[in-house]
Structures are given as structure tokens and as C-alpha cells.
Amino acid sequence: MMYAVREDWPTGRLLCECPSCGTLQMVAALPACASARCIRCNQLLRRTRYEPLVRPLAAALAGLALYGVVLFLPFMQIELWSRDHTATMLEFPAELQTNGFWELAAAFLLFVLVLPPLRLALLAWVLIGLRLRRPPRGLRALFRWHERSGPWAMTEVFLVGVFVAYSRLADLAQIDIGPAAWALGGLMLASVCAEIALDPAAVWEAIDSRTPRTALAGAKDEGNPVGCPCCALLCHPRPDRLSRCLRCGALLWPRKPASLARTWALLIAAVICVVFAYAEPVMTVSNFGEGETSTIFGGMIELAELGWWPIAVIVFLASITIPMFKLVALAVMLLSVHLRSATGLRARTRIYRFVEVIGRWSMIDVFMVSILTVLVQLGFIATVQPEVGVVAFGAVVILTMLAAYSFDPRLMWDAAGRGRGAE
């Protein structure tokens, strides 16, 4: 591996590459609670915070303290016709696996039980390590994993799924919210507070000042400058070999490799899955031995008929509007690169950033079906069984998230002849 980096920056200023349009620009030293944006596409390049190494640590430790409550105390209880069932969070993956849907069990385990507390633990370990006299090794890799796993930690999405499930059961049975559900809400608030208070650039600067970098190999300014996709450090990788960022160890590419081909493949797979997701039922509800299937559209209509209009609107946005918007937006961006279009570059770049942010919110329906499946297990009186439609819809969400990650928005500017230095 070849490591190289530019180190002749003016004092108090950093040269960086915009991750959305590829423009090289100087970012001045910022006071607390200030921000710097790209002069071309308005992408946020840096936002500073007060006490960026203290407040996120407090929030992360508070969230981790609630994790034991989330795992082992009751989550929700349902009572219907003198039959009741209490579920804990640890029962969810096992129950979904018992029903034959290992895909839902894996998604719940990864996105709800593992990644949210793991991100808090990684952040806490890095920030505590920076306060030690001799910081432990591996802080660079740990913080890189923390940054990369952000979109896949879905506590807040799961909690919205809890609200949707509650609304579908509230008029049919008695529902009691357990302490684990309240603790999960606290864990979500702690995660949000940690994310708001965090200044990743300040953490990387602290890691740089407290831990040694990997030694440089080769000349200092070989190759064109490339901004690290993880820590934003401007590096000069050798063009004839695979290179990694000197600071965080992430792979360096002038542009994401095979970006268009990968995005097209993922997008086509998502379109195929979305047909099955909307056509097939997502769950079967059995009452006294009689089963009734429900589709995504049918569930939305049922919520509206019950008078839960706000929840119905949320389901409509998360399950229909957002997935279709992502598919159309990604297709338009891909076609614009092939057609070398220069129309609406800034608007398309903003849409891409929006697609990146909203992608995971479509998992609401998947989590709602998972909750109903685990909670409504009342034998002959009532049961809920997931169906193939919910697996197909979960595949749509994951594929579109991967497609957004695979697409490189800088290609739109390159294709229009407005790449780096072409203005």
C-alpha cells in the first residue's frame, strides 16, 4: 500500500475537496458553532461545535447505560380476550427466525440491536482514549467504522415502526408499553444528541495530535490530490498502485470505481424487488382461525379508515413516496451522466444528498411487520405471519441505499465538463 498526503497547507486553513462536486477549495479556521460550505454546490464541508470531545462522550455513555434495560426488560405487552403476550427485544430475532424469515431477523439484529449501541461504544472508546496519557492503538480505524456505520443504525426508524404497529393494535387489544420501549427512546435521544454535538473533523484532528500516523512511503506530492471519503484529508495517492488515506486508512479513489455500472445494477435489482413488494402481501393476520392478507397499500388504507390519518400519511411517505422518489432520482442522475447534461447540476447534487439522508426511513413498514409478528402471538385468537412482500420491500430499501452509496455525484460535474478546475 502507498500512503501520501499534502502537508503544505497555510496556517489555519485546510485545502479540501468537495465530496459532491469535486471542487478544491480552502476552508478557513472556524470558531465554535460555525460552518463552511462549498462555493460551488453548497455542500456542507465543516461544522464546528462547542466542546466537541466532551458533549458527545456524555451522550454516548448515557445511551450505553440504557442498553441493558433495552435488552432484558419487557418491551411491549398485548392482552386480548384474557390472553396476553409479553415480548422483549431479545425475542424479536428468535421469533422471526422461528417464523421462517431469517432475513427480517438479520435486519432487526443488525439495524436495531447491534449497530446503534456499537456506534455509541465506538464513539465513547475513541473519545475516552483521546483523554488518556497514552491513547490506545486503533483509534483511527474505530472512528472510521463509527463514521461508516451511521446510515445503518436505525433506532429512530424502528421507533416510528413501533408507533405504526401500536396504532394498528390500539383499537383491537390492550397494549402496555414496557420499560424497554422507553429506554429505547432514551437510547435514540442519546444517539441523536451525540450526533448533533459531534464534530468529526475535531476528532480527527485530536487523533492526529495524540497518535502517530503511518510513515509515508514515496514522494510527498505524487499523483493528483484526492479527498478521503471518510476523514476528508486531502491526499496524493500514487496513480500506479492501490492507496489508502494516511490518517484513517480508507481506500482512496479519484472517483468511486465502476460507480455507474454498480449503481445501475443495484437500481435495476431494486426495481424488480419493488414490483413484488407492492404486488405481494406483507403479512397475514389470523383471527379465530381465519386469515386475512394485507399489502402495503391495504395497510395504509386501513390506518386511514381507523382515523389514524397522521400515521397513514407517514406510511404513505415512507413506503410509497420515498422509495419511488429514490428510484426515479437515481435513474435521472445516472442518465444525466450518460447524456453529459449540464442542466440543473446544483439541484441534482442537492437531490442526491437528500436521497442519501432519507433512504433508511423506508424501513418503517419492515419494522412494523416485525413488531406485529413478535407481539401478536395469541394462539387461536390472533396471530400475525410475515409474507414475502415485506422481505421484497426490505430488499428495495437496502438496494437503494447501496445504490446511493455507489453513485459518485462528482461524475455529474465531470460529464458536464465542470470537473475540478473546469469552471
Protein backbone atom coordinates (compact mmCIF):
# COMPACT_ATOMS: atom_id res chain seq x y z
CA MET A 1 0.00 0.00 0.00
CA MET A 2 1.17 3.51 -0.86
CA TYR A 3 0.50 6.36 1.57
CA ALA A 4 0.93 10.03 0.74
CA VAL A 5 -0.57 13.32 1.88
CA ARG A 6 -0.25 17.03 1.22
CA GLU A 7 1.14 18.84 4.23
CA ASP A 8 1.97 22.33 2.93
CA TRP A 9 -1.35 23.91 3.97
CA PRO A 10 -1.34 27.55 5.08
CA THR A 11 -1.61 28.01 8.83
CA GLY A 12 -5.23 27.98 10.00
CA ARG A 13 -6.58 26.88 6.61
CA LEU A 14 -7.07 23.49 5.01
CA LEU A 15 -7.30 22.58 1.36
CA CYS A 16 -10.10 20.11 0.81
CA GLU A 17 -12.11 18.51 -1.96
CA CYS A 18 -15.89 18.82 -2.01
CA PRO A 19 -17.31 15.26 -1.90
CA SER A 20 -20.31 16.28 -4.03
CA CYS A 21 -18.78 18.25 -6.92
CA GLY A 22 -15.02 17.67 -6.58
CA THR A 23 -14.05 21.34 -6.24
CA LEU A 24 -10.74 22.01 -4.49
CA GLN A 25 -11.04 24.93 -2.06
CA MET A 26 -9.54 26.38 1.08
CA VAL A 27 -11.52 26.09 4.31
CA ALA A 28 -10.57 28.70 6.90
CA ALA A 29 -10.26 28.01 10.62
CA LEU A 30 -13.75 28.31 12.11
CA PRO A 31 -14.95 29.45 15.54
CA ALA A 32 -17.31 27.27 17.55
CA CYS A 33 -20.76 26.64 16.05
CA ALA A 34 -19.79 27.91 12.61
CA SER A 35 -20.00 26.14 9.28
CA ALA A 36 -18.28 26.19 5.90
CA ARG A 37 -19.95 25.21 2.64
CA CYS A 38 -18.76 24.51 -0.87
CA ILE A 39 -18.58 27.63 -3.01
CA ARG A 40 -19.97 25.71 -6.00
CA CYS A 41 -22.68 23.28 -4.82
CA ASN A 42 -23.32 24.43 -1.21
CA GLN A 43 -22.28 21.06 0.27
CA LEU A 44 -21.50 21.29 3.99
CA LEU A 45 -17.74 20.90 4.38
CA ARG A 46 -17.30 21.55 8.11
CA ARG A 47 -19.47 22.43 11.09
CA THR A 48 -17.81 23.15 14.41
CA ARG A 49 -19.30 22.53 17.87
CA TYR A 50 -18.73 23.59 21.47
CA GLU A 51 -16.66 21.06 23.43
CA PRO A 52 -16.66 18.52 20.55
CA LEU A 53 -14.73 15.93 22.58
CA VAL A 54 -16.82 16.21 25.78
CA ARG A 55 -20.51 16.52 24.97
CA PRO A 56 -20.65 13.59 22.51
CA LEU A 57 -18.91 11.41 25.12
CA ALA A 58 -21.54 12.25 27.76
CA ALA A 59 -24.37 11.44 25.34
CA ALA A 60 -22.73 8.18 24.23
CA LEU A 61 -22.24 6.98 27.81
CA ALA A 62 -25.84 7.85 28.69
CA GLY A 63 -27.09 5.83 25.72
CA LEU A 64 -24.94 2.83 26.60
CA ALA A 65 -26.24 2.90 30.18
CA LEU A 66 -29.77 2.32 28.83
CA TYR A 67 -28.81 -0.60 26.61
CA GLY A 68 -29.17 -3.24 29.35
CA VAL A 69 -32.73 -2.08 30.01
CA VAL A 70 -33.48 -2.28 26.28
CA LEU A 71 -32.28 -5.88 26.06
CA PHE A 72 -33.64 -7.58 29.13
CA LEU A 73 -36.77 -5.80 30.39
CA PRO A 74 -40.23 -6.13 28.76
CA PHE A 75 -40.70 -4.16 25.57
CA MET A 76 -44.46 -4.36 24.96
CA GLN A 77 -47.38 -6.43 26.21
CA ILE A 78 -50.60 -7.22 24.38
CA GLU A 79 -53.78 -8.53 26.00
CA LEU A 80 -56.82 -9.78 24.07
CA TRP A 81 -59.69 -11.97 25.25
CA SER A 82 -57.90 -12.88 28.50
CA ARG A 83 -54.81 -13.96 26.56
CA ASP A 84 -51.65 -11.93 26.84
CA HIS A 85 -48.14 -11.97 25.48
CA THR A 86 -45.10 -10.01 26.61
CA ALA A 87 -42.12 -9.56 24.30
CA THR A 88 -38.57 -8.46 24.98
CA MET A 89 -36.17 -7.09 22.39
CA LEU A 90 -34.07 -10.25 22.53
CA GLU A 91 -37.11 -12.32 21.47
CA PHE A 92 -37.52 -10.48 18.17
CA PRO A 93 -34.77 -12.16 16.12
CA ALA A 94 -35.56 -15.62 17.51
CA GLU A 95 -39.32 -15.28 16.85
CA LEU A 96 -38.77 -14.00 13.32
CA GLN A 97 -36.37 -16.88 12.65
CA THR A 98 -38.95 -19.34 14.01
CA ASN A 99 -41.48 -17.97 11.53
CA GLY A 100 -39.03 -18.76 8.71
CA PHE A 101 -37.97 -15.19 7.95
CA TRP A 102 -34.28 -15.11 8.74
CA GLU A 103 -33.97 -12.01 6.54
CA LEU A 104 -36.15 -10.00 8.93
CA ALA A 105 -34.33 -11.45 11.92
CA ALA A 106 -30.95 -10.43 10.46
CA ALA A 107 -32.19 -6.92 9.60
CA PHE A 108 -33.60 -6.41 13.11
CA LEU A 109 -30.49 -7.79 14.77
CA LEU A 110 -28.12 -5.64 12.73
CA PHE A 111 -30.00 -2.37 12.34
CA VAL A 112 -31.66 -2.17 15.79
CA LEU A 113 -29.83 -4.34 18.33
CA VAL A 114 -26.19 -4.25 17.17
CA LEU A 115 -25.26 -1.11 15.24
CA PRO A 116 -26.88 1.64 17.38
CA PRO A 117 -25.13 0.67 20.64
CA LEU A 118 -21.99 -0.34 18.74
CA ARG A 119 -21.70 3.16 17.26
CA LEU A 120 -22.08 4.69 20.72
CA ALA A 121 -19.48 2.28 22.11
CA LEU A 122 -17.03 3.10 19.31
CA LEU A 123 -17.51 6.83 19.84
CA ALA A 124 -17.12 6.52 23.61
CA TRP A 125 -13.98 4.39 23.27
CA VAL A 126 -12.37 6.85 20.85
CA LEU A 127 -13.17 9.91 22.97
CA ILE A 128 -12.07 8.23 26.21
CA GLY A 129 -8.90 7.01 24.50
CA LEU A 130 -8.06 10.56 23.46
CA ARG A 131 -8.22 11.65 27.11
CA LEU A 132 -5.65 9.08 28.24
CA ARG A 133 -1.98 9.89 28.60
CA ARG A 134 -1.15 7.17 26.09
CA PRO A 135 -4.06 6.73 23.67
CA PRO A 136 -4.54 3.08 22.66
CA ARG A 137 -3.84 1.92 19.15
CA GLY A 138 -6.64 1.52 16.66
CA LEU A 139 -8.47 4.79 17.35
CA ARG A 140 -8.26 5.73 13.66
CA ALA A 141 -9.89 2.50 12.50
CA LEU A 142 -12.53 2.59 15.25
CA PHE A 143 -13.62 6.12 14.39
CA ARG A 144 -13.66 5.26 10.69
CA TRP A 145 -16.05 2.38 11.42
CA HIS A 146 -18.17 4.74 13.52
CA GLU A 147 -18.49 7.17 10.62
CA ARG A 148 -19.19 4.50 8.01
CA SER A 149 -21.93 2.73 10.01
CA GLY A 150 -24.07 5.84 10.55
CA PRO A 151 -26.80 5.28 7.92
CA TRP A 152 -27.34 1.68 9.04
CA ALA A 153 -28.14 2.39 12.71
CA MET A 154 -31.93 2.74 12.64
CA THR A 155 -33.20 3.20 16.19
CA GLU A 156 -35.37 6.19 15.29
CA VAL A 157 -36.82 4.41 12.26
CA PHE A 158 -37.68 1.40 14.43
CA LEU A 159 -39.45 3.62 16.97
CA VAL A 160 -41.64 5.10 14.23
CA GLY A 161 -42.42 1.50 13.27
CA VAL A 162 -43.46 0.95 16.90
CA PHE A 163 -45.91 3.87 16.65
CA VAL A 164 -47.38 2.45 13.45
CA ALA A 165 -47.77 -1.01 14.98
CA TYR A 166 -49.35 0.48 18.11
CA SER A 167 -51.87 2.40 16.00
CA ARG A 168 -52.94 -0.81 14.25
CA LEU A 169 -53.46 -2.64 17.55
CA ALA A 170 -54.77 0.11 19.84
CA ASP A 171 -58.45 -0.35 18.86
CA LEU A 172 -58.26 -4.15 18.89
CA ALA A 173 -56.41 -5.04 22.08
CA GLN A 174 -54.92 -3.57 25.24
CA ILE A 175 -51.31 -2.55 24.67
CA ASP A 176 -48.90 -1.79 27.50
CA ILE A 177 -45.59 -0.07 26.75
CA GLY A 178 -42.78 -1.69 28.71
CA PRO A 179 -39.67 -0.09 30.23
CA ALA A 180 -37.51 -1.35 27.35
CA ALA A 181 -39.50 0.77 24.89
CA TRP A 182 -38.95 3.89 26.98
CA ALA A 183 -35.27 3.03 27.35
CA LEU A 184 -35.01 2.58 23.59
CA GLY A 185 -36.45 6.07 23.20
CA GLY A 186 -33.76 7.34 25.55
CA LEU A 187 -31.12 5.47 23.57
CA MET A 188 -32.38 7.15 20.41
CA LEU A 189 -32.26 10.60 22.03
CA ALA A 190 -28.74 9.93 23.27
CA SER A 191 -27.67 8.86 19.77
CA VAL A 192 -29.20 11.99 18.23
CA CYS A 193 -27.57 14.25 20.84
CA ALA A 194 -24.21 12.59 20.27
CA GLU A 195 -24.56 13.05 16.52
CA ILE A 196 -25.53 16.73 16.89
CA ALA A 197 -22.73 17.51 19.34
CA LEU A 198 -20.09 15.63 17.34
CA ASP A 199 -17.58 17.43 15.15
CA PRO A 200 -15.85 14.61 13.22
CA ALA A 201 -13.12 16.93 11.93
CA ALA A 202 -12.23 17.92 15.52
CA VAL A 203 -11.99 14.24 16.48
CA TRP A 204 -9.71 13.51 13.52
CA GLU A 205 -7.53 16.49 14.46
CA ALA A 206 -7.31 15.25 18.04
CA ILE A 207 -6.38 11.76 16.84
CA ASP A 208 -3.71 13.30 14.61
CA SER A 209 -2.22 15.23 17.50
CA ARG A 210 -2.32 12.36 20.01
CA THR A 211 -1.42 9.31 17.91
CA PRO A 212 1.34 8.82 15.32
CA ARG A 213 0.49 8.47 11.65
CA THR A 214 1.70 5.65 9.46
CA ALA A 215 5.03 6.56 7.91
CA LEU A 216 4.94 7.98 4.39
CA ALA A 217 6.18 5.81 1.56
CA GLY A 218 7.31 7.53 -1.60
CA ALA A 219 7.28 11.15 -2.67
CA LYS A 220 5.14 13.75 -0.97
CA ASP A 221 3.26 15.10 -3.98
CA GLU A 222 2.90 12.20 -6.39
CA GLY A 223 -0.46 11.82 -8.13
CA ASN A 224 -3.46 14.11 -8.30
CA PRO A 225 -4.99 15.24 -4.97
CA VAL A 226 -7.87 13.10 -3.72
CA GLY A 227 -10.10 13.88 -0.77
CA CYS A 228 -10.51 10.97 1.64
CA PRO A 229 -14.16 9.79 1.59
CA CYS A 230 -14.11 9.19 5.35
CA CYS A 231 -11.98 11.85 7.08
CA ALA A 232 -11.76 14.43 4.22
CA LEU A 233 -7.96 14.63 4.37
CA LEU A 234 -6.54 15.70 1.01
CA CYS A 235 -4.09 13.03 -0.12
CA HIS A 236 -1.81 12.47 -3.11
CA PRO A 237 -2.00 8.76 -3.91
CA ARG A 238 0.27 7.14 -6.43
CA PRO A 239 -1.65 6.54 -9.68
CA ASP A 240 0.00 3.19 -10.33
CA ARG A 241 -0.98 1.37 -7.14
CA LEU A 242 -3.75 1.00 -4.57
CA SER A 243 -3.53 3.70 -1.90
CA ARG A 244 -5.02 4.38 1.49
CA CYS A 245 -5.54 7.56 3.46
CA LEU A 246 -2.63 8.28 5.76
CA ARG A 247 -4.92 9.42 8.57
CA CYS A 248 -7.84 6.95 8.66
CA GLY A 249 -6.75 4.13 6.35
CA ALA A 250 -9.71 4.36 3.95
CA LEU A 251 -9.16 3.39 0.33
CA LEU A 252 -8.53 6.35 -1.98
CA TRP A 253 -10.01 6.68 -5.45
CA PRO A 254 -10.22 9.76 -7.72
CA ARG A 255 -13.79 8.61 -8.32
CA LYS A 256 -15.68 5.64 -6.93
CA PRO A 257 -14.67 2.59 -9.00
CA ALA A 258 -17.27 1.30 -11.50
CA SER A 259 -19.74 3.74 -9.99
CA LEU A 260 -22.19 3.86 -12.91
CA ALA A 261 -22.21 0.10 -13.53
CA ARG A 262 -22.72 -0.74 -9.86
CA THR A 263 -25.44 1.85 -9.39
CA TRP A 264 -27.32 0.67 -12.49
CA ALA A 265 -27.13 -2.96 -11.32
CA LEU A 266 -28.40 -2.12 -7.84
CA LEU A 267 -31.11 0.15 -9.23
CA ILE A 268 -32.41 -2.50 -11.64
CA ALA A 269 -32.46 -5.07 -8.83
CA ALA A 270 -34.42 -2.60 -6.67
CA VAL A 271 -36.98 -2.03 -9.45
CA ILE A 272 -37.54 -5.79 -9.76
CA CYS A 273 -37.98 -6.11 -6.00
CA VAL A 274 -40.36 -3.16 -5.76
CA VAL A 275 -42.80 -4.90 -8.14
CA PHE A 276 -43.00 -7.88 -5.78
CA ALA A 277 -43.11 -5.62 -2.71
CA TYR A 278 -46.24 -3.82 -3.88
CA ALA A 279 -47.95 -6.80 -5.52
CA GLU A 280 -47.41 -9.42 -2.82
CA PRO A 281 -48.89 -9.32 0.72
CA VAL A 282 -46.61 -8.16 3.51
CA MET A 283 -48.38 -10.04 6.32
CA THR A 284 -51.28 -12.34 7.16
CA VAL A 285 -53.46 -11.62 10.21
CA SER A 286 -55.33 -14.65 11.60
CA ASN A 287 -58.35 -14.24 13.89
CA PHE A 288 -60.00 -17.36 15.29
CA GLY A 289 -58.56 -19.49 12.51
CA GLU A 290 -59.45 -17.15 9.63
CA GLY A 291 -56.55 -15.45 7.89
CA GLU A 292 -56.57 -12.14 6.01
CA THR A 293 -53.61 -10.89 3.99
CA SER A 294 -52.53 -7.27 3.91
CA THR A 295 -50.49 -5.38 1.33
CA ILE A 296 -48.63 -2.10 1.77
CA PHE A 297 -51.45 -0.19 0.10
CA GLY A 298 -54.09 -2.09 2.09
CA GLY A 299 -52.38 -1.32 5.40
CA MET A 300 -52.25 2.37 4.56
CA ILE A 301 -55.97 2.41 3.70
CA GLU A 302 -56.80 0.52 6.91
CA LEU A 303 -54.98 3.12 9.01
CA ALA A 304 -56.90 5.91 7.29
CA GLU A 305 -60.22 4.15 7.88
CA LEU A 306 -59.40 3.77 11.57
CA GLY A 307 -58.90 7.53 11.77
CA TRP A 308 -55.11 7.40 12.17
CA TRP A 309 -54.51 9.89 9.39
CA PRO A 310 -51.09 11.13 10.59
CA ILE A 311 -49.80 7.55 10.78
CA ALA A 312 -51.32 6.77 7.37
CA VAL A 313 -49.50 9.76 5.90
CA ILE A 314 -46.23 8.58 7.45
CA VAL A 315 -46.70 5.10 5.95
CA PHE A 316 -47.56 6.63 2.57
CA LEU A 317 -44.43 8.77 2.61
CA ALA A 318 -42.10 6.05 3.91
CA SER A 319 -43.44 3.09 1.93
CA ILE A 320 -44.54 4.61 -1.38
CA THR A 321 -43.32 8.18 -1.90
CA ILE A 322 -39.73 7.80 -0.67
CA PRO A 323 -38.90 4.51 -2.47
CA MET A 324 -40.34 5.71 -5.78
CA PHE A 325 -38.61 9.09 -5.42
CA LYS A 326 -35.27 7.38 -4.79
CA LEU A 327 -35.65 5.12 -7.82
CA VAL A 328 -36.62 7.96 -10.14
CA ALA A 329 -33.99 10.36 -8.77
CA LEU A 330 -31.15 7.86 -9.10
CA ALA A 331 -32.25 6.96 -12.63
CA VAL A 332 -32.33 10.62 -13.63
CA MET A 333 -28.86 11.22 -12.18
CA LEU A 334 -27.43 8.19 -13.97
CA LEU A 335 -28.96 9.24 -17.28
CA SER A 336 -27.68 12.78 -16.84
CA VAL A 337 -24.13 11.42 -16.64
CA HIS A 338 -24.58 9.32 -19.78
CA LEU A 339 -26.12 12.27 -21.63
CA ARG A 340 -23.43 14.63 -20.30
CA SER A 341 -26.13 17.06 -19.20
CA ALA A 342 -25.17 20.38 -17.62
CA THR A 343 -28.74 21.32 -16.70
CA GLY A 344 -29.57 21.71 -13.02
CA LEU A 345 -26.25 20.45 -11.66
CA ARG A 346 -26.69 22.09 -8.27
CA ALA A 347 -30.28 20.89 -7.99
CA ARG A 348 -29.30 17.32 -8.88
CA THR A 349 -26.49 17.43 -6.33
CA ARG A 350 -28.89 18.58 -3.62
CA ILE A 351 -31.33 15.82 -4.60
CA TYR A 352 -28.55 13.26 -4.30
CA ARG A 353 -27.75 14.42 -0.77
CA PHE A 354 -31.46 14.25 0.08
CA VAL A 355 -31.69 10.69 -1.28
CA GLU A 356 -28.74 9.70 0.92
CA VAL A 357 -30.45 11.05 4.04
CA ILE A 358 -33.99 9.70 3.55
CA GLY A 359 -33.09 6.23 2.28
CA ARG A 360 -33.35 4.32 5.54
CA TRP A 361 -36.75 5.74 6.56
CA SER A 362 -38.49 3.34 4.22
CA MET A 363 -37.70 0.56 6.71
CA ILE A 364 -40.70 1.64 8.81
CA ASP A 365 -43.02 -0.94 7.24
CA VAL A 366 -40.45 -3.71 7.65
CA PHE A 367 -40.06 -2.95 11.35
CA MET A 368 -43.83 -2.59 11.81
CA VAL A 369 -44.46 -6.09 10.41
CA SER A 370 -41.64 -7.49 12.56
CA ILE A 371 -43.16 -5.95 15.70
CA LEU A 372 -46.63 -7.28 14.94
CA THR A 373 -45.23 -10.73 14.18
CA VAL A 374 -43.49 -10.99 17.54
CA LEU A 375 -46.15 -9.28 19.61
CA VAL A 376 -49.34 -10.82 18.22
CA GLN A 377 -48.76 -14.47 19.11
CA LEU A 378 -52.01 -15.34 20.89
CA GLY A 379 -52.60 -18.81 19.51
CA PHE A 380 -56.05 -19.44 18.02
CA ILE A 381 -57.27 -15.95 18.99
CA ALA A 382 -54.87 -13.92 16.89
CA THR A 383 -51.52 -14.29 15.15
CA VAL A 384 -49.55 -12.30 12.60
CA GLN A 385 -47.38 -14.01 9.99
CA PRO A 386 -44.99 -12.07 7.72
CA GLU A 387 -45.16 -12.70 3.99
CA VAL A 388 -42.78 -12.44 1.07
CA GLY A 389 -43.82 -8.87 0.26
CA VAL A 390 -42.13 -7.45 3.37
CA VAL A 391 -38.86 -9.22 2.50
CA ALA A 392 -39.01 -7.79 -1.03
CA PHE A 393 -39.67 -4.32 0.36
CA GLY A 394 -36.76 -4.60 2.77
CA ALA A 395 -34.58 -5.58 -0.18
CA VAL A 396 -35.75 -2.44 -2.02
CA VAL A 397 -34.69 -0.24 0.89
CA ILE A 398 -31.25 -1.84 1.24
CA LEU A 399 -30.60 -1.92 -2.52
CA THR A 400 -31.49 1.75 -2.97
CA MET A 401 -29.29 2.71 -0.01
CA LEU A 402 -26.40 0.78 -1.57
CA ALA A 403 -27.14 2.36 -4.96
CA ALA A 404 -26.98 5.86 -3.47
CA TYR A 405 -23.71 4.96 -1.78
CA SER A 406 -22.26 3.53 -5.03
CA PHE A 407 -23.13 6.58 -7.10
CA ASP A 408 -20.48 9.29 -7.23
CA PRO A 409 -22.16 12.73 -7.65
CA ARG A 410 -18.88 14.21 -8.90
CA LEU A 411 -19.42 12.27 -12.11
CA MET A 412 -22.33 14.58 -12.96
CA TRP A 413 -19.98 17.57 -12.84
CA ASP A 414 -17.26 15.71 -14.74
CA ALA A 415 -19.67 14.69 -17.50
CA ALA A 416 -20.87 18.26 -17.90
CA GLY A 417 -17.29 19.47 -18.35
CA ARG A 418 -17.32 21.17 -14.96
CA GLY A 419 -14.95 18.92 -13.13
CA ARG A 420 -12.18 20.16 -10.91
CA GLY A 421 -10.77 23.39 -12.33
CA ALA A 422 -13.09 23.43 -15.36
CA GLU A 423 -15.18 26.42 -14.30
